Amino acid sequence: MWRLHTCIVILSSGVVSASVRRPLTLVASAGAIPGTMGCVPTDAVLRSARGRLWRGRATTSAAARLRIARIALIGGVIAALVVWVVAIVLAEPFVWGTLGTGHDARPYWAAAVSYPYANAGVGANGAYLYSPAFLQLLAVIRALPWTAFLACWEAILLVATAALSGPVLLGPVLLVVTPELWGGNVDILLALAVVLGFRWPATWAFVLLTKVTPGVGLLWFAVRREWRSLGIALGTTAAIITLSALFTADAWFGWMRTLVDNVGRPITSGSFPIPFLVRLPFAVLVVVWGARTDRRWTVPVACLLALPVIWYGSLSLLLGVIPLERPRLAVRWPILGIGWREVLGLGRR
């Protein structure tokens, strides 16, 4: 009876006559059911037709997901443009303590390369706390006026956000990282460096030469005995320090003193009130557990816990979890598996 029902469905849907475009193979049946003309489809034909039905549905579903992803991307791009324009418009007049944009990014533009640590207390207005190499990296855009610098810097942060979130989640993610984009800190770039570090360990140099302590994530390589990757990360950092110190040796000594002087310095507001020394053991446990159980998402989490100070915008470091968990999440929500190549039509044809 099920064969008759399947035959009727196939014939009525036009799959065989319209889509398959070949005649339905019929065999005579001695015990034919009245009204079936004594014929039923063979098993091979039924399997082939059912397979074509399922493939057609899958193709339609994939096309629908791609359309939804592109619509989501349009919304995300519009949101990103709004954030970028607002950041530029509110950049001037710049006044410390107001709700203007770029308060974290301002020292990246204003600090003197020769010695940027004259006012380097954690939480102080205009404090520059990263290595001299970071200022040298930004040399080109630091030569621009403040508003133009901030426009370039916010564009860099938005591109990093898009790379981490993917096209589908760009809009929702922007809502989460708005505090970070508003201030212009480097935590989004830290997340990107951590994610890229699994493939290109040299990107860990960015982490070590800015926030320093999130370098606890390098325990991933040590626990897994991936000594080559660990050596590349540390060797690249050492090479950058050596090359940079040839031009700004005094600034490097000043940075070392700044790091020591800021240990245990109290923070008045704007941060989570959990001391670094309390958080650090948990960061180590998280990354060691993740390395032993092959859970890459634990590395950005450990880096967040190991930040010298966790500001409210620092939660954007968790963006690194998205690309590391996307393959697993895409099994349950296939639309999350659509990447930039597919949504932009750059995939294989």
C-alpha atoms as a PDB file:
ATOM      1  CA  MET A   1       0.000   0.000   0.000  1.00  0.00           C
ATOM      2  CA  TRP A   2       2.871   2.392   0.763  1.00  0.00           C
ATOM      3  CA  ARG A   3       4.183   1.920  -2.752  1.00  0.00           C
ATOM      4  CA  LEU A   4       0.862   2.975  -4.237  1.00  0.00           C
ATOM      5  CA  HIS A   5       0.779   6.042  -1.990  1.00  0.00           C
ATOM      6  CA  THR A   6       4.357   6.991  -2.924  1.00  0.00           C
ATOM      7  CA  CYS A   7       3.609   6.469  -6.601  1.00  0.00           C
ATOM      8  CA  ILE A   8       0.572   8.730  -6.408  1.00  0.00           C
ATOM      9  CA  VAL A   9       2.560  11.431  -4.554  1.00  0.00           C
ATOM     10  CA  ILE A  10       5.369  11.280  -7.085  1.00  0.00           C
ATOM     11  CA  LEU A  11       3.035  11.383 -10.074  1.00  0.00           C
ATOM     12  CA  SER A  12       0.893  14.188  -8.655  1.00  0.00           C
ATOM     13  CA  SER A  13       3.904  16.285  -7.682  1.00  0.00           C
ATOM     14  CA  GLY A  14       5.290  16.049 -11.163  1.00  0.00           C
ATOM     15  CA  VAL A  15       8.737  15.148  -9.855  1.00  0.00           C
ATOM     16  CA  VAL A  16       9.208  12.317 -12.305  1.00  0.00           C
ATOM     17  CA  SER A  17       7.459  13.843 -15.285  1.00  0.00           C
ATOM     18  CA  ALA A  18       8.593  17.476 -14.776  1.00  0.00           C
ATOM     19  CA  SER A  19      11.781  17.416 -12.733  1.00  0.00           C
ATOM     20  CA  VAL A  20      13.323  14.016 -13.428  1.00  0.00           C
ATOM     21  CA  ARG A  21      12.220  14.190 -17.078  1.00  0.00           C
ATOM     22  CA  ARG A  22      12.307  10.463 -17.631  1.00  0.00           C
ATOM     23  CA  PRO A  23       9.507   7.874 -17.679  1.00  0.00           C
ATOM     24  CA  LEU A  24       8.474   6.140 -14.498  1.00  0.00           C
ATOM     25  CA  THR A  25       9.567   2.515 -14.565  1.00  0.00           C
ATOM     26  CA  LEU A  26       6.642   0.199 -13.819  1.00  0.00           C
ATOM     27  CA  VAL A  27       6.509  -3.540 -13.231  1.00  0.00           C
ATOM     28  CA  ALA A  28       3.572  -5.863 -13.463  1.00  0.00           C
ATOM     29  CA  SER A  29       2.245  -7.144 -10.185  1.00  0.00           C
ATOM     30  CA  ALA A  30       0.323 -10.362 -10.013  1.00  0.00           C
ATOM     31  CA  GLY A  31      -1.544  -9.241  -6.947  1.00  0.00           C
ATOM     32  CA  ALA A  32      -2.217  -5.740  -8.209  1.00  0.00           C
ATOM     33  CA  ILE A  33      -4.461  -3.493  -6.205  1.00  0.00           C
ATOM     34  CA  PRO A  34      -7.638  -2.595  -8.086  1.00  0.00           C
ATOM     35  CA  GLY A  35      -7.372   0.813  -9.714  1.00  0.00           C
ATOM     36  CA  THR A  36      -3.563   0.738  -9.959  1.00  0.00           C
ATOM     37  CA  MET A  37      -3.533  -0.634 -13.498  1.00  0.00           C
ATOM     38  CA  GLY A  38      -1.617  -3.587 -12.136  1.00  0.00           C
ATOM     39  CA  CYS A  39       1.595  -1.615 -11.871  1.00  0.00           C
ATOM     40  CA  VAL A  40       3.793  -0.313  -9.060  1.00  0.00           C
ATOM     41  CA  PRO A  41       7.137   1.551  -9.220  1.00  0.00           C
ATOM     42  CA  THR A  42      10.306  -0.447  -8.655  1.00  0.00           C
ATOM     43  CA  ASP A  43      12.300   0.106  -5.457  1.00  0.00           C
ATOM     44  CA  ALA A  44      15.120   1.752  -7.390  1.00  0.00           C
ATOM     45  CA  VAL A  45      12.802   4.314  -8.945  1.00  0.00           C
ATOM     46  CA  LEU A  46      11.172   5.069  -5.603  1.00  0.00           C
ATOM     47  CA  ARG A  47      14.526   5.608  -3.920  1.00  0.00           C
ATOM     48  CA  SER A  48      15.727   7.826  -6.755  1.00  0.00           C
ATOM     49  CA  ALA A  49      12.581   9.926  -6.732  1.00  0.00           C
ATOM     50  CA  ARG A  50      12.558  10.305  -2.970  1.00  0.00           C
ATOM     51  CA  GLY A  51      16.226  11.335  -3.069  1.00  0.00           C
ATOM     52  CA  ARG A  52      15.440  14.009  -5.631  1.00  0.00           C
ATOM     53  CA  LEU A  53      12.607  15.277  -3.468  1.00  0.00           C
ATOM     54  CA  TRP A  54      14.860  15.590  -0.422  1.00  0.00           C
ATOM     55  CA  ARG A  55      17.665  17.221  -2.414  1.00  0.00           C
ATOM     56  CA  GLY A  56      15.194  19.712  -3.816  1.00  0.00           C
ATOM     57  CA  ARG A  57      14.001  20.585  -0.339  1.00  0.00           C
ATOM     58  CA  ALA A  58      17.587  20.926   0.934  1.00  0.00           C
ATOM     59  CA  THR A  59      18.508  23.205  -1.956  1.00  0.00           C
ATOM     60  CA  THR A  60      15.462  25.365  -1.309  1.00  0.00           C
ATOM     61  CA  SER A  61      16.257  25.511   2.402  1.00  0.00           C
ATOM     62  CA  ALA A  62      19.900  26.478   1.742  1.00  0.00           C
ATOM     63  CA  ALA A  63      18.800  29.226  -0.642  1.00  0.00           C
ATOM     64  CA  ALA A  64      16.349  30.551   1.952  1.00  0.00           C
ATOM     65  CA  ARG A  65      19.058  30.615   4.612  1.00  0.00           C
ATOM     66  CA  LEU A  66      21.364  32.489   2.274  1.00  0.00           C
ATOM     67  CA  ARG A  67      18.658  35.097   1.630  1.00  0.00           C
ATOM     68  CA  ILE A  68      18.106  35.543   5.358  1.00  0.00           C
ATOM     69  CA  ALA A  69      21.869  35.838   5.921  1.00  0.00           C
ATOM     70  CA  ARG A  70      22.111  38.578   3.308  1.00  0.00           C
ATOM     71  CA  ILE A  71      19.218  40.472   4.839  1.00  0.00           C
ATOM     72  CA  ALA A  72      20.877  40.177   8.262  1.00  0.00           C
ATOM     73  CA  LEU A  73      24.125  41.438   6.759  1.00  0.00           C
ATOM     74  CA  ILE A  74      22.420  44.513   5.304  1.00  0.00           C
ATOM     75  CA  GLY A  75      21.021  45.322   8.733  1.00  0.00           C
ATOM     76  CA  GLY A  76      24.417  44.807  10.328  1.00  0.00           C
ATOM     77  CA  VAL A  77      26.199  47.024   7.801  1.00  0.00           C
ATOM     78  CA  ILE A  78      23.663  49.802   8.362  1.00  0.00           C
ATOM     79  CA  ALA A  79      24.167  49.519  12.128  1.00  0.00           C
ATOM     80  CA  ALA A  80      27.956  49.602  11.677  1.00  0.00           C
ATOM     81  CA  LEU A  81      27.746  52.741   9.539  1.00  0.00           C
ATOM     82  CA  VAL A  82      25.555  54.423  12.166  1.00  0.00           C
ATOM     83  CA  VAL A  83      28.065  53.574  14.922  1.00  0.00           C
ATOM     84  CA  TRP A  84      30.961  54.818  12.786  1.00  0.00           C
ATOM     85  CA  VAL A  85      29.285  58.122  11.907  1.00  0.00           C
ATOM     86  CA  VAL A  86      28.198  58.775  15.493  1.00  0.00           C
ATOM     87  CA  ALA A  87      31.732  58.073  16.751  1.00  0.00           C
ATOM     88  CA  ILE A  88      33.140  60.631  14.317  1.00  0.00           C
ATOM     89  CA  VAL A  89      30.490  63.279  14.962  1.00  0.00           C
ATOM     90  CA  LEU A  90      30.950  63.115  18.740  1.00  0.00           C
ATOM     91  CA  ALA A  91      34.760  63.095  18.592  1.00  0.00           C
ATOM     92  CA  GLU A  92      34.892  66.886  18.873  1.00  0.00           C
ATOM     93  CA  PRO A  93      34.905  68.834  21.039  1.00  0.00           C
ATOM     94  CA  PHE A  94      36.920  66.355  23.093  1.00  0.00           C
ATOM     95  CA  VAL A  95      36.517  66.818  26.840  1.00  0.00           C
ATOM     96  CA  TRP A  96      37.583  64.273  29.443  1.00  0.00           C
ATOM     97  CA  GLY A  97      34.772  63.025  31.657  1.00  0.00           C
ATOM     98  CA  THR A  98      32.001  63.647  29.123  1.00  0.00           C
ATOM     99  CA  LEU A  99      30.018  61.124  27.061  1.00  0.00           C
ATOM    100  CA  GLY A 100      32.030  61.861  23.938  1.00  0.00           C
ATOM    101  CA  THR A 101      33.642  59.088  21.935  1.00  0.00           C
ATOM    102  CA  GLY A 102      37.244  57.942  21.780  1.00  0.00           C
ATOM    103  CA  HIS A 103      38.294  58.399  25.408  1.00  0.00           C
ATOM    104  CA  ASP A 104      40.316  55.165  25.339  1.00  0.00           C
ATOM    105  CA  ALA A 105      41.692  55.837  21.869  1.00  0.00           C
ATOM    106  CA  ARG A 106      42.776  59.408  22.593  1.00  0.00           C
ATOM    107  CA  PRO A 107      46.104  58.390  24.239  1.00  0.00           C
ATOM    108  CA  TYR A 108      46.921  56.221  21.200  1.00  0.00           C
ATOM    109  CA  TRP A 109      46.878  59.430  19.175  1.00  0.00           C
ATOM    110  CA  ALA A 110      48.251  61.941  21.667  1.00  0.00           C
ATOM    111  CA  ALA A 111      51.039  60.052  23.464  1.00  0.00           C
ATOM    112  CA  ALA A 112      54.602  61.031  22.550  1.00  0.00           C
ATOM    113  CA  VAL A 113      56.546  58.163  20.977  1.00  0.00           C
ATOM    114  CA  SER A 114      59.811  59.228  22.646  1.00  0.00           C
ATOM    115  CA  TYR A 115      58.360  58.813  26.147  1.00  0.00           C
ATOM    116  CA  PRO A 116      54.595  58.228  26.421  1.00  0.00           C
ATOM    117  CA  TYR A 117      54.478  57.360  30.132  1.00  0.00           C
ATOM    118  CA  ALA A 118      54.510  60.744  31.821  1.00  0.00           C
ATOM    119  CA  ASN A 119      50.920  60.158  32.980  1.00  0.00           C
ATOM    120  CA  ALA A 120      50.549  56.399  33.073  1.00  0.00           C
ATOM    121  CA  GLY A 121      48.338  55.529  36.022  1.00  0.00           C
ATOM    122  CA  VAL A 122      45.572  53.003  35.401  1.00  0.00           C
ATOM    123  CA  GLY A 123      42.268  54.848  35.138  1.00  0.00           C
ATOM    124  CA  ALA A 124      43.852  58.291  34.781  1.00  0.00           C
ATOM    125  CA  ASN A 125      42.656  60.535  31.972  1.00  0.00           C
ATOM    126  CA  GLY A 126      44.991  60.303  28.997  1.00  0.00           C
ATOM    127  CA  ALA A 127      47.047  57.442  30.436  1.00  0.00           C
ATOM    128  CA  TYR A 128      48.959  55.416  27.846  1.00  0.00           C
ATOM    129  CA  LEU A 129      49.755  51.926  29.167  1.00  0.00           C
ATOM    130  CA  TYR A 130      50.868  49.824  26.203  1.00  0.00           C
ATOM    131  CA  SER A 131      54.301  49.203  24.734  1.00  0.00           C
ATOM    132  CA  PRO A 132      56.114  51.688  22.479  1.00  0.00           C
ATOM    133  CA  ALA A 133      55.717  49.195  19.630  1.00  0.00           C
ATOM    134  CA  PHE A 134      51.974  49.819  19.574  1.00  0.00           C
ATOM    135  CA  LEU A 135      52.504  53.537  18.936  1.00  0.00           C
ATOM    136  CA  GLN A 136      55.011  52.724  16.216  1.00  0.00           C
ATOM    137  CA  LEU A 137      52.464  50.402  14.606  1.00  0.00           C
ATOM    138  CA  LEU A 138      49.961  53.265  14.451  1.00  0.00           C
ATOM    139  CA  ALA A 139      52.484  55.799  13.179  1.00  0.00           C
ATOM    140  CA  VAL A 140      50.712  56.404   9.860  1.00  0.00           C
ATOM    141  CA  ILE A 141      47.268  57.213  11.229  1.00  0.00           C
ATOM    142  CA  ARG A 142      48.715  59.020  14.289  1.00  0.00           C
ATOM    143  CA  ALA A 143      49.933  61.673  11.849  1.00  0.00           C
ATOM    144  CA  LEU A 144      46.308  62.550  11.027  1.00  0.00           C
ATOM    145  CA  PRO A 145      44.141  65.083  12.875  1.00  0.00           C
ATOM    146  CA  TRP A 146      42.256  63.651  15.852  1.00  0.00           C
ATOM    147  CA  THR A 147      38.897  63.209  14.110  1.00  0.00           C
ATOM    148  CA  ALA A 148      40.471  61.547  11.079  1.00  0.00           C
ATOM    149  CA  PHE A 149      42.527  59.282  13.352  1.00  0.00           C
ATOM    150  CA  LEU A 150      39.409  58.205  15.228  1.00  0.00           C
ATOM    151  CA  ALA A 151      37.569  57.562  11.954  1.00  0.00           C
ATOM    152  CA  CYS A 152      40.352  55.232  10.826  1.00  0.00           C
ATOM    153  CA  TRP A 153      40.614  53.564  14.235  1.00  0.00           C
ATOM    154  CA  GLU A 154      36.869  52.923  14.508  1.00  0.00           C
ATOM    155  CA  ALA A 155      36.879  51.488  10.982  1.00  0.00           C
ATOM    156  CA  ILE A 156      39.623  49.062  12.023  1.00  0.00           C
ATOM    157  CA  LEU A 157      37.600  47.989  15.076  1.00  0.00           C
ATOM    158  CA  LEU A 158      34.442  47.532  12.995  1.00  0.00           C
ATOM    159  CA  VAL A 159      36.258  45.383  10.447  1.00  0.00           C
ATOM    160  CA  ALA A 160      37.641  43.242  13.273  1.00  0.00           C
ATOM    161  CA  THR A 161      34.141  42.950  14.743  1.00  0.00           C
ATOM    162  CA  ALA A 162      32.744  41.815  11.397  1.00  0.00           C
ATOM    163  CA  ALA A 163      35.533  39.273  10.968  1.00  0.00           C
ATOM    164  CA  LEU A 164      34.768  37.738  14.365  1.00  0.00           C
ATOM    165  CA  SER A 165      30.978  37.855  14.270  1.00  0.00           C
ATOM    166  CA  GLY A 166      30.429  36.729  10.692  1.00  0.00           C
ATOM    167  CA  PRO A 167      27.753  38.225   8.441  1.00  0.00           C
ATOM    168  CA  VAL A 168      24.706  36.819  10.229  1.00  0.00           C
ATOM    169  CA  LEU A 169      25.504  38.006  13.764  1.00  0.00           C
ATOM    170  CA  LEU A 170      27.065  41.367  12.888  1.00  0.00           C
ATOM    171  CA  GLY A 171      24.007  43.388  13.895  1.00  0.00           C
ATOM    172  CA  PRO A 172      23.365  41.716  17.272  1.00  0.00           C
ATOM    173  CA  VAL A 173      27.076  41.721  18.110  1.00  0.00           C
ATOM    174  CA  LEU A 174      27.317  45.459  17.515  1.00  0.00           C
ATOM    175  CA  LEU A 175      24.773  45.983  20.275  1.00  0.00           C
ATOM    176  CA  VAL A 176      27.027  44.076  22.675  1.00  0.00           C
ATOM    177  CA  VAL A 177      30.302  45.793  21.743  1.00  0.00           C
ATOM    178  CA  THR A 178      28.979  49.354  21.513  1.00  0.00           C
ATOM    179  CA  PRO A 179      30.672  50.385  24.815  1.00  0.00           C
ATOM    180  CA  GLU A 180      33.991  49.159  23.440  1.00  0.00           C
ATOM    181  CA  LEU A 181      33.509  50.933  20.123  1.00  0.00           C
ATOM    182  CA  TRP A 182      32.440  54.087  21.959  1.00  0.00           C
ATOM    183  CA  GLY A 183      35.687  54.256  23.898  1.00  0.00           C
ATOM    184  CA  GLY A 184      37.903  52.792  21.188  1.00  0.00           C
ATOM    185  CA  ASN A 185      39.862  50.299  23.276  1.00  0.00           C
ATOM    186  CA  VAL A 186      41.797  47.332  21.848  1.00  0.00           C
ATOM    187  CA  ASP A 187      39.859  44.394  23.301  1.00  0.00           C
ATOM    188  CA  ILE A 188      38.185  43.521  19.990  1.00  0.00           C
ATOM    189  CA  LEU A 189      41.612  43.368  18.376  1.00  0.00           C
ATOM    190  CA  LEU A 190      42.811  41.170  21.241  1.00  0.00           C
ATOM    191  CA  ALA A 191      39.973  38.751  20.494  1.00  0.00           C
ATOM    192  CA  LEU A 192      40.949  38.700  16.822  1.00  0.00           C
ATOM    193  CA  ALA A 193      44.616  38.092  17.684  1.00  0.00           C
ATOM    194  CA  VAL A 194      43.670  35.177  19.947  1.00  0.00           C
ATOM    195  CA  VAL A 195      41.516  33.542  17.272  1.00  0.00           C
ATOM    196  CA  LEU A 196      44.118  34.004  14.555  1.00  0.00           C
ATOM    197  CA  GLY A 197      46.781  32.764  16.961  1.00  0.00           C
ATOM    198  CA  PHE A 198      45.627  29.176  16.611  1.00  0.00           C
ATOM    199  CA  ARG A 199      46.743  29.290  12.983  1.00  0.00           C
ATOM    200  CA  TRP A 200      49.348  32.059  13.100  1.00  0.00           C
ATOM    201  CA  PRO A 201      50.850  32.120  16.625  1.00  0.00           C
ATOM    202  CA  ALA A 202      52.785  35.302  15.829  1.00  0.00           C
ATOM    203  CA  THR A 203      49.599  37.311  16.408  1.00  0.00           C
ATOM    204  CA  TRP A 204      50.023  36.677  20.131  1.00  0.00           C
ATOM    205  CA  ALA A 205      52.692  39.383  20.052  1.00  0.00           C
ATOM    206  CA  PHE A 206      49.887  41.937  19.853  1.00  0.00           C
ATOM    207  CA  VAL A 207      48.407  40.564  23.081  1.00  0.00           C
ATOM    208  CA  LEU A 208      51.730  40.518  24.920  1.00  0.00           C
ATOM    209  CA  LEU A 209      52.718  44.028  23.820  1.00  0.00           C
ATOM    210  CA  THR A 210      49.440  45.686  24.811  1.00  0.00           C
ATOM    211  CA  LYS A 211      47.540  44.186  27.759  1.00  0.00           C
ATOM    212  CA  VAL A 212      50.336  41.683  28.609  1.00  0.00           C
ATOM    213  CA  THR A 213      48.555  39.476  31.181  1.00  0.00           C
ATOM    214  CA  PRO A 214      46.050  37.890  28.742  1.00  0.00           C
ATOM    215  CA  GLY A 215      49.172  36.147  27.467  1.00  0.00           C
ATOM    216  CA  VAL A 216      48.142  33.452  29.956  1.00  0.00           C
ATOM    217  CA  GLY A 217      46.343  32.039  26.924  1.00  0.00           C
ATOM    218  CA  LEU A 218      49.716  30.803  25.660  1.00  0.00           C
ATOM    219  CA  LEU A 219      49.404  28.028  28.241  1.00  0.00           C
ATOM    220  CA  TRP A 220      47.225  26.376  25.584  1.00  0.00           C
ATOM    221  CA  PHE A 221      50.344  25.604  23.568  1.00  0.00           C
ATOM    222  CA  ALA A 222      52.398  24.597  26.617  1.00  0.00           C
ATOM    223  CA  VAL A 223      49.813  22.155  27.971  1.00  0.00           C
ATOM    224  CA  ARG A 224      49.364  20.584  24.545  1.00  0.00           C
ATOM    225  CA  ARG A 225      53.145  20.526  24.007  1.00  0.00           C
ATOM    226  CA  GLU A 226      52.844  22.538  20.830  1.00  0.00           C
ATOM    227  CA  TRP A 227      56.304  23.945  21.338  1.00  0.00           C
ATOM    228  CA  ARG A 228      56.724  25.253  17.825  1.00  0.00           C
ATOM    229  CA  SER A 229      53.642  27.470  18.119  1.00  0.00           C
ATOM    230  CA  LEU A 230      54.729  28.684  21.548  1.00  0.00           C
ATOM    231  CA  GLY A 231      58.192  29.438  20.225  1.00  0.00           C
ATOM    232  CA  ILE A 232      56.801  31.422  17.287  1.00  0.00           C
ATOM    233  CA  ALA A 233      54.616  33.530  19.601  1.00  0.00           C
ATOM    234  CA  LEU A 234      57.423  34.322  22.025  1.00  0.00           C
ATOM    235  CA  GLY A 235      60.080  34.669  19.333  1.00  0.00           C
ATOM    236  CA  THR A 236      57.989  37.141  17.340  1.00  0.00           C
ATOM    237  CA  THR A 237      57.402  39.205  20.477  1.00  0.00           C
ATOM    238  CA  ALA A 238      61.106  39.244  21.291  1.00  0.00           C
ATOM    239  CA  ALA A 239      61.988  40.253  17.739  1.00  0.00           C
ATOM    240  CA  ILE A 240      59.534  43.171  17.806  1.00  0.00           C
ATOM    241  CA  ILE A 241      60.893  44.376  21.152  1.00  0.00           C
ATOM    242  CA  THR A 242      64.462  44.218  19.883  1.00  0.00           C
ATOM    243  CA  LEU A 243      63.703  46.074  16.666  1.00  0.00           C
ATOM    244  CA  SER A 244      61.586  48.715  18.404  1.00  0.00           C
ATOM    245  CA  ALA A 245      64.128  49.283  21.189  1.00  0.00           C
ATOM    246  CA  LEU A 246      66.727  50.264  18.598  1.00  0.00           C
ATOM    247  CA  PHE A 247      64.754  53.492  18.174  1.00  0.00           C
ATOM    248  CA  THR A 248      63.044  54.003  21.558  1.00  0.00           C
ATOM    249  CA  ALA A 249      65.094  52.263  24.229  1.00  0.00           C
ATOM    250  CA  ASP A 250      64.183  54.767  26.967  1.00  0.00           C
ATOM    251  CA  ALA A 251      60.485  54.301  26.265  1.00  0.00           C
ATOM    252  CA  TRP A 252      60.799  50.535  26.749  1.00  0.00           C
ATOM    253  CA  PHE A 253      62.405  50.983  30.161  1.00  0.00           C
ATOM    254  CA  GLY A 254      59.624  53.435  30.971  1.00  0.00           C
ATOM    255  CA  TRP A 255      57.009  50.851  30.031  1.00  0.00           C
ATOM    256  CA  MET A 256      58.572  48.265  32.338  1.00  0.00           C
ATOM    257  CA  ARG A 257      58.465  50.744  35.220  1.00  0.00           C
ATOM    258  CA  THR A 258      54.856  51.599  34.367  1.00  0.00           C
ATOM    259  CA  LEU A 259      53.817  47.949  34.520  1.00  0.00           C
ATOM    260  CA  VAL A 260      55.420  47.523  37.941  1.00  0.00           C
ATOM    261  CA  ASP A 261      54.014  50.785  39.323  1.00  0.00           C
ATOM    262  CA  ASN A 262      50.452  49.897  38.323  1.00  0.00           C
ATOM    263  CA  VAL A 263      50.355  46.513  40.053  1.00  0.00           C
ATOM    264  CA  GLY A 264      47.584  46.654  42.645  1.00  0.00           C
ATOM    265  CA  ARG A 265      46.665  50.255  41.865  1.00  0.00           C
ATOM    266  CA  PRO A 266      43.018  50.843  42.968  1.00  0.00           C
ATOM    267  CA  ILE A 267      40.432  51.682  40.305  1.00  0.00           C
ATOM    268  CA  THR A 268      37.715  54.145  41.272  1.00  0.00           C
ATOM    269  CA  SER A 269      34.928  53.237  38.840  1.00  0.00           C
ATOM    270  CA  GLY A 270      33.992  51.746  35.492  1.00  0.00           C
ATOM    271  CA  SER A 271      35.382  48.267  36.110  1.00  0.00           C
ATOM    272  CA  PHE A 272      34.435  44.951  37.679  1.00  0.00           C
ATOM    273  CA  PRO A 273      35.586  45.008  41.326  1.00  0.00           C
ATOM    274  CA  ILE A 274      37.394  41.657  41.286  1.00  0.00           C
ATOM    275  CA  PRO A 275      41.166  42.019  41.799  1.00  0.00           C
ATOM    276  CA  PHE A 276      43.534  40.634  39.187  1.00  0.00           C
ATOM    277  CA  LEU A 277      45.270  38.271  41.613  1.00  0.00           C
ATOM    278  CA  VAL A 278      41.912  36.707  42.479  1.00  0.00           C
ATOM    279  CA  ARG A 279      40.982  36.204  38.813  1.00  0.00           C
ATOM    280  CA  LEU A 280      44.350  34.935  37.579  1.00  0.00           C
ATOM    281  CA  PRO A 281      44.174  31.390  39.070  1.00  0.00           C
ATOM    282  CA  PHE A 282      40.743  30.896  37.501  1.00  0.00           C
ATOM    283  CA  ALA A 283      42.111  32.060  34.148  1.00  0.00           C
ATOM    284  CA  VAL A 284      44.888  29.481  34.386  1.00  0.00           C
ATOM    285  CA  LEU A 285      42.461  26.703  35.309  1.00  0.00           C
ATOM    286  CA  VAL A 286      40.138  27.560  32.432  1.00  0.00           C
ATOM    287  CA  VAL A 287      42.831  27.529  29.746  1.00  0.00           C
ATOM    288  CA  VAL A 288      44.483  24.368  31.101  1.00  0.00           C
ATOM    289  CA  TRP A 289      41.142  22.558  31.186  1.00  0.00           C
ATOM    290  CA  GLY A 290      40.354  23.779  27.680  1.00  0.00           C
ATOM    291  CA  ALA A 291      43.728  22.643  26.344  1.00  0.00           C
ATOM    292  CA  ARG A 292      43.358  19.176  27.838  1.00  0.00           C
ATOM    293  CA  THR A 293      39.800  18.757  26.506  1.00  0.00           C
ATOM    294  CA  ASP A 294      40.332  20.480  23.135  1.00  0.00           C
ATOM    295  CA  ARG A 295      37.967  23.402  23.808  1.00  0.00           C
ATOM    296  CA  ARG A 296      39.419  26.398  22.021  1.00  0.00           C
ATOM    297  CA  TRP A 297      36.656  28.728  23.208  1.00  0.00           C
ATOM    298  CA  THR A 298      38.187  28.640  26.679  1.00  0.00           C
ATOM    299  CA  VAL A 299      41.186  30.705  25.534  1.00  0.00           C
ATOM    300  CA  PRO A 300      39.300  34.002  24.987  1.00  0.00           C
ATOM    301  CA  VAL A 301      37.463  33.395  28.250  1.00  0.00           C
ATOM    302  CA  ALA A 302      40.746  32.892  30.101  1.00  0.00           C
ATOM    303  CA  CYS A 303      42.205  35.997  28.471  1.00  0.00           C
ATOM    304  CA  LEU A 304      39.231  38.022  29.687  1.00  0.00           C
ATOM    305  CA  LEU A 305      39.683  36.748  33.235  1.00  0.00           C
ATOM    306  CA  ALA A 306      43.393  37.579  33.065  1.00  0.00           C
ATOM    307  CA  LEU A 307      43.001  41.210  31.970  1.00  0.00           C
ATOM    308  CA  PRO A 308      44.758  43.648  34.314  1.00  0.00           C
ATOM    309  CA  VAL A 309      41.414  45.449  34.727  1.00  0.00           C
ATOM    310  CA  ILE A 310      38.073  44.247  33.381  1.00  0.00           C
ATOM    311  CA  TRP A 311      36.254  47.335  32.158  1.00  0.00           C
ATOM    312  CA  TYR A 312      32.650  47.021  31.022  1.00  0.00           C
ATOM    313  CA  GLY A 313      33.740  47.199  27.397  1.00  0.00           C
ATOM    314  CA  SER A 314      36.254  44.413  27.975  1.00  0.00           C
ATOM    315  CA  LEU A 315      33.502  41.825  27.597  1.00  0.00           C
ATOM    316  CA  SER A 316      33.934  42.305  23.857  1.00  0.00           C
ATOM    317  CA  LEU A 317      36.944  39.994  24.161  1.00  0.00           C
ATOM    318  CA  LEU A 318      34.387  37.190  24.289  1.00  0.00           C
ATOM    319  CA  LEU A 319      33.746  37.803  20.588  1.00  0.00           C
ATOM    320  CA  GLY A 320      36.577  35.358  20.075  1.00  0.00           C
ATOM    321  CA  VAL A 321      34.257  32.556  21.189  1.00  0.00           C
ATOM    322  CA  ILE A 322      32.004  32.991  18.135  1.00  0.00           C
ATOM    323  CA  PRO A 323      34.367  31.908  15.336  1.00  0.00           C
ATOM    324  CA  LEU A 324      35.873  29.180  17.520  1.00  0.00           C
ATOM    325  CA  GLU A 325      32.442  27.663  18.228  1.00  0.00           C
ATOM    326  CA  ARG A 326      30.784  28.430  14.873  1.00  0.00           C
ATOM    327  CA  PRO A 327      31.319  24.940  13.340  1.00  0.00           C
ATOM    328  CA  ARG A 328      29.600  23.283  16.292  1.00  0.00           C
ATOM    329  CA  LEU A 329      26.789  25.837  16.466  1.00  0.00           C
ATOM    330  CA  ALA A 330      26.188  25.528  12.724  1.00  0.00           C
ATOM    331  CA  VAL A 331      25.190  21.897  13.216  1.00  0.00           C
ATOM    332  CA  ARG A 332      22.192  23.040  15.244  1.00  0.00           C
ATOM    333  CA  TRP A 333      21.638  26.394  13.511  1.00  0.00           C
ATOM    334  CA  PRO A 334      22.890  25.979   9.924  1.00  0.00           C
ATOM    335  CA  ILE A 335      22.462  29.671   9.145  1.00  0.00           C
ATOM    336  CA  LEU A 336      25.368  30.424  11.506  1.00  0.00           C
ATOM    337  CA  GLY A 337      27.598  28.372   9.227  1.00  0.00           C
ATOM    338  CA  ILE A 338      27.196  30.864   6.390  1.00  0.00           C
ATOM    339  CA  GLY A 339      30.426  32.822   6.119  1.00  0.00           C
ATOM    340  CA  TRP A 340      31.545  35.930   4.308  1.00  0.00           C
ATOM    341  CA  ARG A 341      32.517  34.092   1.132  1.00  0.00           C
ATOM    342  CA  GLU A 342      29.070  32.565   0.746  1.00  0.00           C
ATOM    343  CA  VAL A 343      27.059  35.661   1.596  1.00  0.00           C
ATOM    344  CA  LEU A 344      29.143  37.779  -0.788  1.00  0.00           C
ATOM    345  CA  GLY A 345      28.961  35.204  -3.556  1.00  0.00           C
ATOM    346  CA  LEU A 346      32.680  34.452  -3.488  1.00  0.00           C
ATOM    347  CA  GLY A 347      32.379  30.717  -2.858  1.00  0.00           C
ATOM    348  CA  ARG A 348      32.844  27.945  -5.362  1.00  0.00           C
ATOM    349  CA  ARG A 349      30.444  27.922  -8.267  1.00  0.00           C
END
